[in-house]
Amino acid sequence: MIILSYLLTGIGLYGGLGWLADNLLHTSFLMVVGFIAGMIISFYIIIKRYGRDA
């Protein structure tokens, strides 16, 4: 459940920031960039916190 929370929060937060930047800068691609960045950052945090050391 915590992992799902990290994923949803990262995607929602960075997607929201991308949407805000899209509206302020009158662009149409930053929300997608925010979603992708949020997903990548969330995966990084999950792997860093819950991954096994090799």
Protein backbone atom coordinates (compact mmCIF):
# COMPACT_ATOMS: atom_id res chain seq x y z
CA MET A 1 0.00 0.00 0.00
CA ILE A 2 2.87 2.37 0.75
CA ILE A 3 4.45 1.68 -2.64
CA LEU A 4 1.17 2.54 -4.38
CA SER A 5 1.04 5.75 -2.36
CA TYR A 6 4.51 6.72 -3.54
CA LEU A 7 3.56 6.09 -7.16
CA LEU A 8 0.30 8.00 -7.04
CA THR A 9 1.77 10.91 -5.09
CA GLY A 10 4.77 11.28 -7.40
CA ILE A 11 2.68 11.15 -10.55
CA GLY A 12 0.05 13.47 -9.10
CA LEU A 13 2.52 15.99 -7.70
CA TYR A 14 4.76 16.31 -10.74
CA GLY A 15 1.82 16.03 -13.13
CA GLY A 16 0.15 18.86 -11.25
CA LEU A 17 3.29 20.96 -11.39
CA GLY A 18 3.52 20.25 -15.11
CA TRP A 19 -0.12 21.28 -15.58
CA LEU A 20 0.54 24.50 -13.67
CA ALA A 21 3.63 25.23 -15.75
CA ASP A 22 1.63 24.50 -18.93
CA ASN A 23 -0.97 27.07 -17.94
CA LEU A 24 1.59 29.69 -16.96
CA LEU A 25 3.82 29.23 -20.01
CA HIS A 26 1.02 28.48 -22.52
CA THR A 27 2.54 25.17 -23.62
CA SER A 28 0.99 21.74 -24.02
CA PHE A 29 3.73 19.23 -23.22
CA LEU A 30 4.90 19.94 -19.68
CA MET A 31 2.10 18.00 -17.98
CA VAL A 32 3.19 14.84 -19.81
CA VAL A 33 6.80 15.56 -18.86
CA GLY A 34 5.65 15.99 -15.25
CA PHE A 35 3.81 12.65 -15.28
CA ILE A 36 6.85 10.86 -16.65
CA ALA A 37 9.24 12.61 -14.26
CA GLY A 38 6.97 11.80 -11.32
CA MET A 39 6.85 8.15 -12.31
CA ILE A 40 10.63 7.93 -12.68
CA ILE A 41 11.28 9.70 -9.38
CA SER A 42 8.72 7.50 -7.62
CA PHE A 43 10.33 4.33 -8.98
CA TYR A 44 13.74 5.61 -7.88
CA ILE A 45 12.51 6.29 -4.34
CA ILE A 46 10.80 2.89 -4.14
CA ILE A 47 13.88 1.03 -5.37
CA LYS A 48 16.16 3.05 -3.09
CA ARG A 49 13.99 2.44 -0.04
CA TYR A 50 12.74 -1.12 -0.61
CA GLY A 51 15.24 -2.63 -3.03
CA ARG A 52 17.76 -5.21 -2.01
CA ASP A 53 21.48 -4.53 -1.97
CA ALA A 54 23.26 -6.52 -4.65
